[in-house]
Amino acid sequence: MRVITMPAARSWLDNVREFFYGMISFEFEQQAREQRGELESAFMLLTLGDMLGVPVMPPLYALRILPYAVPMISTWKRRVGRERDLSEREEFHLHGV
């Protein structure tokens, strides 16, 4: 009689859990990340758009938000300045296919 030890049973359960996670909720998480990135880009453009030459919001409000936005400036500049392909848009993803 073969006895399954606890670590092997746990790894099997983890594998099953990860399989169902990938099958059910991975796509939802990816879509939520993409939407969050788009919203952060729009927020940064509205508040700190004058760095790119887009005068949208008065600088007084941007200065109040600046201490909270400083950690995100480098990643925002990289995300906005990156070349994008037409196929990267969310509308072209194969949902459930």
PDB file of N, CA and C in Angstrom:
ATOM      1  N   MET A   1       0.842  -1.173   0.000  1.00  0.00           N
ATOM      2  CA  MET A   1       0.000   0.000   0.000  1.00  0.00           C
ATOM      3  C   MET A   1       0.889   1.239   0.000  1.00  0.00           C
ATOM      4  N   ARG A   2       0.575   2.142  -0.875  1.00  0.00           N
ATOM      5  CA  ARG A   2       1.367   3.361  -0.997  1.00  0.00           C
ATOM      6  C   ARG A   2       0.678   4.495  -0.248  1.00  0.00           C
ATOM      7  N   VAL A   3       1.428   5.166   0.589  1.00  0.00           N
ATOM      8  CA  VAL A   3       0.893   6.264   1.375  1.00  0.00           C
ATOM      9  C   VAL A   3       1.370   7.577   0.762  1.00  0.00           C
ATOM     10  N   ILE A   4       0.436   8.471   0.496  1.00  0.00           N
ATOM     11  CA  ILE A   4       0.790   9.784  -0.057  1.00  0.00           C
ATOM     12  C   ILE A   4       1.179  10.698   1.087  1.00  0.00           C
ATOM     13  N   THR A   5       2.361  11.247   0.980  1.00  0.00           N
ATOM     14  CA  THR A   5       2.815  12.160   2.027  1.00  0.00           C
ATOM     15  C   THR A   5       2.136  13.516   1.846  1.00  0.00           C
ATOM     16  N   MET A   6       2.195  14.320   2.864  1.00  0.00           N
ATOM     17  CA  MET A   6       1.517  15.612   2.860  1.00  0.00           C
ATOM     18  C   MET A   6       2.049  16.574   1.792  1.00  0.00           C
ATOM     19  N   PRO A   7       3.388  16.725   1.597  1.00  0.00           N
ATOM     20  CA  PRO A   7       3.851  17.660   0.563  1.00  0.00           C
ATOM     21  C   PRO A   7       3.407  17.264  -0.844  1.00  0.00           C
ATOM     22  N   ALA A   8       3.392  15.975  -1.161  1.00  0.00           N
ATOM     23  CA  ALA A   8       2.954  15.538  -2.491  1.00  0.00           C
ATOM     24  C   ALA A   8       1.472  15.825  -2.680  1.00  0.00           C
ATOM     25  N   ALA A   9       0.663  15.575  -1.662  1.00  0.00           N
ATOM     26  CA  ALA A   9      -0.769  15.849  -1.765  1.00  0.00           C
ATOM     27  C   ALA A   9      -1.008  17.351  -1.881  1.00  0.00           C
ATOM     28  N   ARG A  10      -0.224  18.115  -1.176  1.00  0.00           N
ATOM     29  CA  ARG A  10      -0.394  19.566  -1.246  1.00  0.00           C
ATOM     30  C   ARG A  10      -0.014  20.099  -2.624  1.00  0.00           C
ATOM     31  N   SER A  11       1.060  19.588  -3.197  1.00  0.00           N
ATOM     32  CA  SER A  11       1.460  20.049  -4.523  1.00  0.00           C
ATOM     33  C   SER A  11       0.416  19.641  -5.564  1.00  0.00           C
ATOM     34  N   TRP A  12      -0.200  18.473  -5.398  1.00  0.00           N
ATOM     35  CA  TRP A  12      -1.248  18.048  -6.314  1.00  0.00           C
ATOM     36  C   TRP A  12      -2.443  18.983  -6.211  1.00  0.00           C
ATOM     37  N   LEU A  13      -2.832  19.326  -4.980  1.00  0.00           N
ATOM     38  CA  LEU A  13      -3.941  20.262  -4.785  1.00  0.00           C
ATOM     39  C   LEU A  13      -3.604  21.635  -5.354  1.00  0.00           C
ATOM     40  N   ASP A  14      -2.365  22.070  -5.170  1.00  0.00           N
ATOM     41  CA  ASP A  14      -1.949  23.351  -5.744  1.00  0.00           C
ATOM     42  C   ASP A  14      -2.017  23.318  -7.262  1.00  0.00           C
ATOM     43  N   ASN A  15      -1.611  22.214  -7.854  1.00  0.00           N
ATOM     44  CA  ASN A  15      -1.682  22.092  -9.311  1.00  0.00           C
ATOM     45  C   ASN A  15      -3.124  22.157  -9.806  1.00  0.00           C
ATOM     46  N   VAL A  16      -4.008  21.477  -9.120  1.00  0.00           N
ATOM     47  CA  VAL A  16      -5.425  21.511  -9.506  1.00  0.00           C
ATOM     48  C   VAL A  16      -5.983  22.917  -9.333  1.00  0.00           C
ATOM     49  N   ARG A  17      -5.635  23.567  -8.232  1.00  0.00           N
ATOM     50  CA  ARG A  17      -6.088  24.925  -7.966  1.00  0.00           C
ATOM     51  C   ARG A  17      -5.585  25.895  -9.044  1.00  0.00           C
ATOM     52  N   GLU A  18      -4.306  25.779  -9.404  1.00  0.00           N
ATOM     53  CA  GLU A  18      -3.754  26.642 -10.444  1.00  0.00           C
ATOM     54  C   GLU A  18      -4.390  26.369 -11.802  1.00  0.00           C
ATOM     55  N   PHE A  19      -4.705  25.098 -12.087  1.00  0.00           N
ATOM     56  CA  PHE A  19      -5.363  24.756 -13.344  1.00  0.00           C
ATOM     57  C   PHE A  19      -6.724  25.436 -13.435  1.00  0.00           C
ATOM     58  N   PHE A  20      -7.517  25.328 -12.379  1.00  0.00           N
ATOM     59  CA  PHE A  20      -8.839  25.956 -12.402  1.00  0.00           C
ATOM     60  C   PHE A  20      -8.747  27.481 -12.408  1.00  0.00           C
ATOM     61  N   TYR A  21      -7.754  28.017 -11.738  1.00  0.00           N
ATOM     62  CA  TYR A  21      -7.550  29.464 -11.776  1.00  0.00           C
ATOM     63  C   TYR A  21      -7.251  29.916 -13.200  1.00  0.00           C
ATOM     64  N   GLY A  22      -6.362  29.211 -13.879  1.00  0.00           N
ATOM     65  CA  GLY A  22      -6.033  29.558 -15.257  1.00  0.00           C
ATOM     66  C   GLY A  22      -7.206  29.374 -16.195  1.00  0.00           C
ATOM     67  N   MET A  23      -8.035  28.380 -15.925  1.00  0.00           N
ATOM     68  CA  MET A  23      -9.168  28.102 -16.794  1.00  0.00           C
ATOM     69  C   MET A  23     -10.307  29.090 -16.583  1.00  0.00           C
ATOM     70  N   ILE A  24     -10.477  29.565 -15.355  1.00  0.00           N
ATOM     71  CA  ILE A  24     -11.647  30.389 -15.044  1.00  0.00           C
ATOM     72  C   ILE A  24     -11.324  31.865 -14.934  1.00  0.00           C
ATOM     73  N   SER A  25     -10.333  32.251 -14.149  1.00  0.00           N
ATOM     74  CA  SER A  25     -10.205  33.667 -13.805  1.00  0.00           C
ATOM     75  C   SER A  25      -8.955  34.362 -14.322  1.00  0.00           C
ATOM     76  N   PHE A  26      -8.084  33.692 -15.044  1.00  0.00           N
ATOM     77  CA  PHE A  26      -6.868  34.346 -15.526  1.00  0.00           C
ATOM     78  C   PHE A  26      -7.197  35.466 -16.503  1.00  0.00           C
ATOM     79  N   GLU A  27      -8.134  35.224 -17.393  1.00  0.00           N
ATOM     80  CA  GLU A  27      -8.496  36.236 -18.386  1.00  0.00           C
ATOM     81  C   GLU A  27      -9.121  37.467 -17.730  1.00  0.00           C
ATOM     82  N   PHE A  28      -9.909  37.257 -16.696  1.00  0.00           N
ATOM     83  CA  PHE A  28     -10.497  38.384 -15.974  1.00  0.00           C
ATOM     84  C   PHE A  28      -9.418  39.241 -15.325  1.00  0.00           C
ATOM     85  N   GLU A  29      -8.417  38.582 -14.760  1.00  0.00           N
ATOM     86  CA  GLU A  29      -7.327  39.311 -14.119  1.00  0.00           C
ATOM     87  C   GLU A  29      -6.522  40.112 -15.140  1.00  0.00           C
ATOM     88  N   GLN A  30      -6.247  39.514 -16.291  1.00  0.00           N
ATOM     89  CA  GLN A  30      -5.525  40.224 -17.344  1.00  0.00           C
ATOM     90  C   GLN A  30      -6.307  41.447 -17.810  1.00  0.00           C
ATOM     91  N   GLN A  31      -7.601  41.303 -17.997  1.00  0.00           N
ATOM     92  CA  GLN A  31      -8.425  42.424 -18.440  1.00  0.00           C
ATOM     93  C   GLN A  31      -8.469  43.520 -17.379  1.00  0.00           C
ATOM     94  N   ALA A  32      -8.546  43.133 -16.111  1.00  0.00           N
ATOM     95  CA  ALA A  32      -8.544  44.128 -15.037  1.00  0.00           C
ATOM     96  C   ALA A  32      -7.224  44.881 -14.991  1.00  0.00           C
ATOM     97  N   ARG A  33      -6.099  44.188 -15.220  1.00  0.00           N
ATOM     98  CA  ARG A  33      -4.801  44.860 -15.256  1.00  0.00           C
ATOM     99  C   ARG A  33      -4.712  45.847 -16.412  1.00  0.00           C
ATOM    100  N   GLU A  34      -5.213  45.433 -17.588  1.00  0.00           N
ATOM    101  CA  GLU A  34      -5.176  46.334 -18.743  1.00  0.00           C
ATOM    102  C   GLU A  34      -6.029  47.580 -18.502  1.00  0.00           C
ATOM    103  N   GLN A  35      -7.220  47.395 -17.943  1.00  0.00           N
ATOM    104  CA  GLN A  35      -8.087  48.539 -17.658  1.00  0.00           C
ATOM    105  C   GLN A  35      -7.471  49.452 -16.615  1.00  0.00           C
ATOM    106  N   ARG A  36      -6.845  48.869 -15.598  1.00  0.00           N
ATOM    107  CA  ARG A  36      -6.190  49.694 -14.583  1.00  0.00           C
ATOM    108  C   ARG A  36      -5.063  50.510 -15.200  1.00  0.00           C
ATOM    109  N   GLY A  37      -4.283  49.895 -16.078  1.00  0.00           N
ATOM    110  CA  GLY A  37      -3.207  50.620 -16.752  1.00  0.00           C
ATOM    111  C   GLY A  37      -3.731  51.755 -17.611  1.00  0.00           C
ATOM    112  N   GLU A  38      -4.841  51.516 -18.317  1.00  0.00           N
ATOM    113  CA  GLU A  38      -5.426  52.573 -19.135  1.00  0.00           C
ATOM    114  C   GLU A  38      -5.948  53.718 -18.272  1.00  0.00           C
ATOM    115  N   LEU A  39      -6.583  53.394 -17.151  1.00  0.00           N
ATOM    116  CA  LEU A  39      -7.085  54.433 -16.257  1.00  0.00           C
ATOM    117  C   LEU A  39      -5.947  55.216 -15.617  1.00  0.00           C
ATOM    118  N   GLU A  40      -4.869  54.533 -15.243  1.00  0.00           N
ATOM    119  CA  GLU A  40      -3.717  55.233 -14.677  1.00  0.00           C
ATOM    120  C   GLU A  40      -3.079  56.151 -15.712  1.00  0.00           C
ATOM    121  N   SER A  41      -3.022  55.693 -16.956  1.00  0.00           N
ATOM    122  CA  SER A  41      -2.459  56.540 -18.017  1.00  0.00           C
ATOM    123  C   SER A  41      -3.315  57.786 -18.219  1.00  0.00           C
ATOM    124  N   ALA A  42      -4.629  57.612 -18.226  1.00  0.00           N
ATOM    125  CA  ALA A  42      -5.515  58.763 -18.394  1.00  0.00           C
ATOM    126  C   ALA A  42      -5.395  59.728 -17.219  1.00  0.00           C
ATOM    127  N   PHE A  43      -5.306  59.187 -16.004  1.00  0.00           N
ATOM    128  CA  PHE A  43      -5.166  60.032 -14.824  1.00  0.00           C
ATOM    129  C   PHE A  43      -3.861  60.817 -14.853  1.00  0.00           C
ATOM    130  N   MET A  44      -2.774  60.138 -15.203  1.00  0.00           N
ATOM    131  CA  MET A  44      -1.482  60.812 -15.257  1.00  0.00           C
ATOM    132  C   MET A  44      -1.464  61.848 -16.379  1.00  0.00           C
ATOM    133  N   LEU A  45      -2.118  61.573 -17.489  1.00  0.00           N
ATOM    134  CA  LEU A  45      -2.174  62.540 -18.573  1.00  0.00           C
ATOM    135  C   LEU A  45      -2.943  63.780 -18.148  1.00  0.00           C
ATOM    136  N   LEU A  46      -4.022  63.583 -17.411  1.00  0.00           N
ATOM    137  CA  LEU A  46      -4.802  64.737 -16.953  1.00  0.00           C
ATOM    138  C   LEU A  46      -4.050  65.565 -15.923  1.00  0.00           C
ATOM    139  N   THR A  47      -3.352  64.903 -15.027  1.00  0.00           N
ATOM    140  CA  THR A  47      -2.690  65.653 -13.955  1.00  0.00           C
ATOM    141  C   THR A  47      -1.317  66.169 -14.345  1.00  0.00           C
ATOM    142  N   LEU A  48      -0.540  65.374 -15.053  1.00  0.00           N
ATOM    143  CA  LEU A  48       0.829  65.758 -15.372  1.00  0.00           C
ATOM    144  C   LEU A  48       1.066  65.829 -16.877  1.00  0.00           C
ATOM    145  N   GLY A  49       0.032  66.119 -17.630  1.00  0.00           N
ATOM    146  CA  GLY A  49       0.149  66.182 -19.081  1.00  0.00           C
ATOM    147  C   GLY A  49       1.013  67.312 -19.568  1.00  0.00           C
ATOM    148  N   ASP A  50       1.242  68.321 -18.738  1.00  0.00           N
ATOM    149  CA  ASP A  50       2.091  69.428 -19.172  1.00  0.00           C
ATOM    150  C   ASP A  50       3.536  68.984 -19.375  1.00  0.00           C
ATOM    151  N   MET A  51       3.940  67.829 -18.818  1.00  0.00           N
ATOM    152  CA  MET A  51       5.266  67.285 -19.093  1.00  0.00           C
ATOM    153  C   MET A  51       5.396  66.883 -20.557  1.00  0.00           C
ATOM    154  N   LEU A  52       4.277  66.491 -21.151  1.00  0.00           N
ATOM    155  CA  LEU A  52       4.270  66.100 -22.559  1.00  0.00           C
ATOM    156  C   LEU A  52       3.811  67.236 -23.456  1.00  0.00           C
ATOM    157  N   GLY A  53       3.440  68.365 -22.876  1.00  0.00           N
ATOM    158  CA  GLY A  53       2.980  69.495 -23.664  1.00  0.00           C
ATOM    159  C   GLY A  53       1.481  69.520 -23.857  1.00  0.00           C
ATOM    160  N   VAL A  54       0.730  68.846 -22.996  1.00  0.00           N
ATOM    161  CA  VAL A  54      -0.727  68.824 -23.080  1.00  0.00           C
ATOM    162  C   VAL A  54      -1.278  69.601 -21.885  1.00  0.00           C
ATOM    163  N   PRO A  55      -1.597  70.877 -22.048  1.00  0.00           N
ATOM    164  CA  PRO A  55      -2.090  71.664 -20.907  1.00  0.00           C
ATOM    165  C   PRO A  55      -3.577  71.403 -20.659  1.00  0.00           C
ATOM    166  N   VAL A  56      -3.870  70.415 -19.840  1.00  0.00           N
ATOM    167  CA  VAL A  56      -5.253  70.033 -19.588  1.00  0.00           C
ATOM    168  C   VAL A  56      -5.736  70.569 -18.253  1.00  0.00           C
ATOM    169  N   MET A  57      -4.950  70.393 -17.214  1.00  0.00           N
ATOM    170  CA  MET A  57      -5.354  70.767 -15.869  1.00  0.00           C
ATOM    171  C   MET A  57      -4.456  71.900 -15.364  1.00  0.00           C
ATOM    172  N   PRO A  58      -5.014  72.821 -14.609  1.00  0.00           N
ATOM    173  CA  PRO A  58      -4.172  73.884 -14.052  1.00  0.00           C
ATOM    174  C   PRO A  58      -3.060  73.306 -13.173  1.00  0.00           C
ATOM    175  N   PRO A  59      -1.872  73.876 -13.230  1.00  0.00           N
ATOM    176  CA  PRO A  59      -0.733  73.317 -12.500  1.00  0.00           C
ATOM    177  C   PRO A  59      -0.914  73.276 -10.983  1.00  0.00           C
ATOM    178  N   LEU A  60      -1.795  74.123 -10.432  1.00  0.00           N
ATOM    179  CA  LEU A  60      -1.984  74.127  -8.988  1.00  0.00           C
ATOM    180  C   LEU A  60      -2.499  72.783  -8.496  1.00  0.00           C
ATOM    181  N   TYR A  61      -3.485  72.217  -9.196  1.00  0.00           N
ATOM    182  CA  TYR A  61      -4.016  70.911  -8.795  1.00  0.00           C
ATOM    183  C   TYR A  61      -3.001  69.809  -9.042  1.00  0.00           C
ATOM    184  N   ALA A  62      -2.241  69.948 -10.118  1.00  0.00           N
ATOM    185  CA  ALA A  62      -1.217  68.946 -10.401  1.00  0.00           C
ATOM    186  C   ALA A  62      -0.144  68.965  -9.316  1.00  0.00           C
ATOM    187  N   LEU A  63       0.181  70.121  -8.788  1.00  0.00           N
ATOM    188  CA  LEU A  63       1.184  70.186  -7.722  1.00  0.00           C
ATOM    189  C   LEU A  63       0.694  69.549  -6.437  1.00  0.00           C
ATOM    190  N   ARG A  64      -0.600  69.596  -6.183  1.00  0.00           N
ATOM    191  CA  ARG A  64      -1.130  68.940  -4.985  1.00  0.00           C
ATOM    192  C   ARG A  64      -1.058  67.426  -5.109  1.00  0.00           C
ATOM    193  N   ILE A  65      -1.210  66.918  -6.312  1.00  0.00           N
ATOM    194  CA  ILE A  65      -1.204  65.474  -6.538  1.00  0.00           C
ATOM    195  C   ILE A  65       0.209  64.947  -6.755  1.00  0.00           C
ATOM    196  N   LEU A  66       1.148  65.819  -7.034  1.00  0.00           N
ATOM    197  CA  LEU A  66       2.509  65.425  -7.388  1.00  0.00           C
ATOM    198  C   LEU A  66       3.172  64.467  -6.398  1.00  0.00           C
ATOM    199  N   PRO A  67       3.096  64.665  -5.080  1.00  0.00           N
ATOM    200  CA  PRO A  67       3.769  63.707  -4.174  1.00  0.00           C
ATOM    201  C   PRO A  67       3.250  62.275  -4.306  1.00  0.00           C
ATOM    202  N   TYR A  68       1.990  62.101  -4.672  1.00  0.00           N
ATOM    203  CA  TYR A  68       1.436  60.760  -4.821  1.00  0.00           C
ATOM    204  C   TYR A  68       1.756  60.159  -6.186  1.00  0.00           C
ATOM    205  N   ALA A  69       2.025  61.017  -7.162  1.00  0.00           N
ATOM    206  CA  ALA A  69       2.233  60.551  -8.529  1.00  0.00           C
ATOM    207  C   ALA A  69       3.700  60.361  -8.887  1.00  0.00           C
ATOM    208  N   VAL A  70       4.616  60.875  -8.088  1.00  0.00           N
ATOM    209  CA  VAL A  70       6.042  60.796  -8.418  1.00  0.00           C
ATOM    210  C   VAL A  70       6.520  59.358  -8.618  1.00  0.00           C
ATOM    211  N   PRO A  71       6.131  58.384  -7.787  1.00  0.00           N
ATOM    212  CA  PRO A  71       6.618  57.020  -8.030  1.00  0.00           C
ATOM    213  C   PRO A  71       6.139  56.416  -9.355  1.00  0.00           C
ATOM    214  N   MET A  72       5.059  56.920  -9.917  1.00  0.00           N
ATOM    215  CA  MET A  72       4.514  56.348 -11.143  1.00  0.00           C
ATOM    216  C   MET A  72       4.978  57.062 -12.403  1.00  0.00           C
ATOM    217  N   ILE A  73       5.727  58.154 -12.292  1.00  0.00           N
ATOM    218  CA  ILE A  73       6.057  58.965 -13.465  1.00  0.00           C
ATOM    219  C   ILE A  73       6.922  58.201 -14.460  1.00  0.00           C
ATOM    220  N   SER A  74       7.945  57.504 -13.999  1.00  0.00           N
ATOM    221  CA  SER A  74       8.846  56.822 -14.936  1.00  0.00           C
ATOM    222  C   SER A  74       8.125  55.705 -15.691  1.00  0.00           C
ATOM    223  N   THR A  75       7.310  54.916 -14.986  1.00  0.00           N
ATOM    224  CA  THR A  75       6.580  53.849 -15.680  1.00  0.00           C
ATOM    225  C   THR A  75       5.521  54.424 -16.607  1.00  0.00           C
ATOM    226  N   TRP A  76       4.905  55.535 -16.208  1.00  0.00           N
ATOM    227  CA  TRP A  76       3.900  56.171 -17.066  1.00  0.00           C
ATOM    228  C   TRP A  76       4.532  56.688 -18.352  1.00  0.00           C
ATOM    229  N   LYS A  77       5.699  57.333 -18.246  1.00  0.00           N
ATOM    230  CA  LYS A  77       6.381  57.831 -19.441  1.00  0.00           C
ATOM    231  C   LYS A  77       6.750  56.682 -20.374  1.00  0.00           C
ATOM    232  N   ARG A  78       7.210  55.581 -19.791  1.00  0.00           N
ATOM    233  CA  ARG A  78       7.575  54.422 -20.600  1.00  0.00           C
ATOM    234  C   ARG A  78       6.342  53.832 -21.283  1.00  0.00           C
ATOM    235  N   ARG A  79       5.214  53.758 -20.566  1.00  0.00           N
ATOM    236  CA  ARG A  79       3.991  53.189 -21.124  1.00  0.00           C
ATOM    237  C   ARG A  79       3.409  54.069 -22.222  1.00  0.00           C
ATOM    238  N   VAL A  80       3.453  55.394 -22.018  1.00  0.00           N
ATOM    239  CA  VAL A  80       2.896  56.311 -23.009  1.00  0.00           C
ATOM    240  C   VAL A  80       3.785  56.384 -24.240  1.00  0.00           C
ATOM    241  N   GLY A  81       5.089  56.329 -24.053  1.00  0.00           N
ATOM    242  CA  GLY A  81       6.009  56.470 -25.165  1.00  0.00           C
ATOM    243  C   GLY A  81       6.267  55.194 -25.942  1.00  0.00           C
ATOM    244  N   ARG A  82       5.741  54.075 -25.473  1.00  0.00           N
ATOM    245  CA  ARG A  82       5.985  52.791 -26.128  1.00  0.00           C
ATOM    246  C   ARG A  82       5.195  52.685 -27.426  1.00  0.00           C
ATOM    247  N   GLU A  83       5.812  52.095 -28.437  1.00  0.00           N
ATOM    248  CA  GLU A  83       5.101  51.854 -29.686  1.00  0.00           C
ATOM    249  C   GLU A  83       4.078  50.760 -29.456  1.00  0.00           C
ATOM    250  N   ARG A  84       2.915  50.936 -30.046  1.00  0.00           N
ATOM    251  CA  ARG A  84       1.856  49.952 -29.871  1.00  0.00           C
ATOM    252  C   ARG A  84       1.472  49.360 -31.219  1.00  0.00           C
ATOM    253  N   ASP A  85       1.063  48.120 -31.148  1.00  0.00           N
ATOM    254  CA  ASP A  85       0.613  47.439 -32.340  1.00  0.00           C
ATOM    255  C   ASP A  85      -0.910  47.416 -32.333  1.00  0.00           C
ATOM    256  N   LEU A  86      -1.507  47.341 -33.497  1.00  0.00           N
ATOM    257  CA  LEU A  86      -2.964  47.312 -33.573  1.00  0.00           C
ATOM    258  C   LEU A  86      -3.548  46.100 -32.872  1.00  0.00           C
ATOM    259  N   SER A  87      -2.827  44.991 -32.877  1.00  0.00           N
ATOM    260  CA  SER A  87      -3.358  43.767 -32.282  1.00  0.00           C
ATOM    261  C   SER A  87      -3.288  43.768 -30.756  1.00  0.00           C
ATOM    262  N   GLU A  88      -2.658  44.773 -30.134  1.00  0.00           N
ATOM    263  CA  GLU A  88      -2.555  44.821 -28.676  1.00  0.00           C
ATOM    264  C   GLU A  88      -3.825  45.332 -28.016  1.00  0.00           C
ATOM    265  N   ARG A  89      -4.724  45.885 -28.780  1.00  0.00           N
ATOM    266  CA  ARG A  89      -5.945  46.440 -28.192  1.00  0.00           C
ATOM    267  C   ARG A  89      -6.826  45.334 -27.643  1.00  0.00           C
ATOM    268  N   GLU A  90      -7.590  45.643 -26.641  1.00  0.00           N
ATOM    269  CA  GLU A  90      -8.411  44.663 -25.948  1.00  0.00           C
ATOM    270  C   GLU A  90      -9.522  44.131 -26.845  1.00  0.00           C
ATOM    271  N   GLU A  91      -9.975  44.890 -27.827  1.00  0.00           N
ATOM    272  CA  GLU A  91     -11.074  44.460 -28.679  1.00  0.00           C
ATOM    273  C   GLU A  91     -10.676  43.273 -29.550  1.00  0.00           C
ATOM    274  N   PHE A  92      -9.373  43.094 -29.782  1.00  0.00           N
ATOM    275  CA  PHE A  92      -8.920  42.036 -30.670  1.00  0.00           C
ATOM    276  C   PHE A  92      -8.553  40.755 -29.944  1.00  0.00           C
ATOM    277  N   HIS A  93      -8.749  40.690 -28.630  1.00  0.00           N
ATOM    278  CA  HIS A  93      -8.447  39.472 -27.893  1.00  0.00           C
ATOM    279  C   HIS A  93      -9.499  38.412 -28.182  1.00  0.00           C
ATOM    280  N   LEU A  94      -9.089  37.177 -28.121  1.00  0.00           N
ATOM    281  CA  LEU A  94     -10.009  36.071 -28.355  1.00  0.00           C
ATOM    282  C   LEU A  94     -10.620  35.651 -27.017  1.00  0.00           C
ATOM    283  N   HIS A  95     -11.751  36.191 -26.686  1.00  0.00           N
ATOM    284  CA  HIS A  95     -12.391  35.904 -25.411  1.00  0.00           C
ATOM    285  C   HIS A  95     -13.160  34.592 -25.486  1.00  0.00           C
ATOM    286  N   GLY A  96     -12.687  33.621 -24.754  1.00  0.00           N
ATOM    287  CA  GLY A  96     -13.394  32.349 -24.668  1.00  0.00           C
ATOM    288  C   GLY A  96     -13.267  31.482 -25.898  1.00  0.00           C
ATOM    289  N   VAL A  97     -12.335  31.809 -26.804  1.00  0.00           N
ATOM    290  CA  VAL A  97     -12.187  30.991 -28.005  1.00  0.00           C
ATOM    291  C   VAL A  97     -10.961  30.155 -27.893  1.00  0.00           C
TER     292      VAL A  97
END
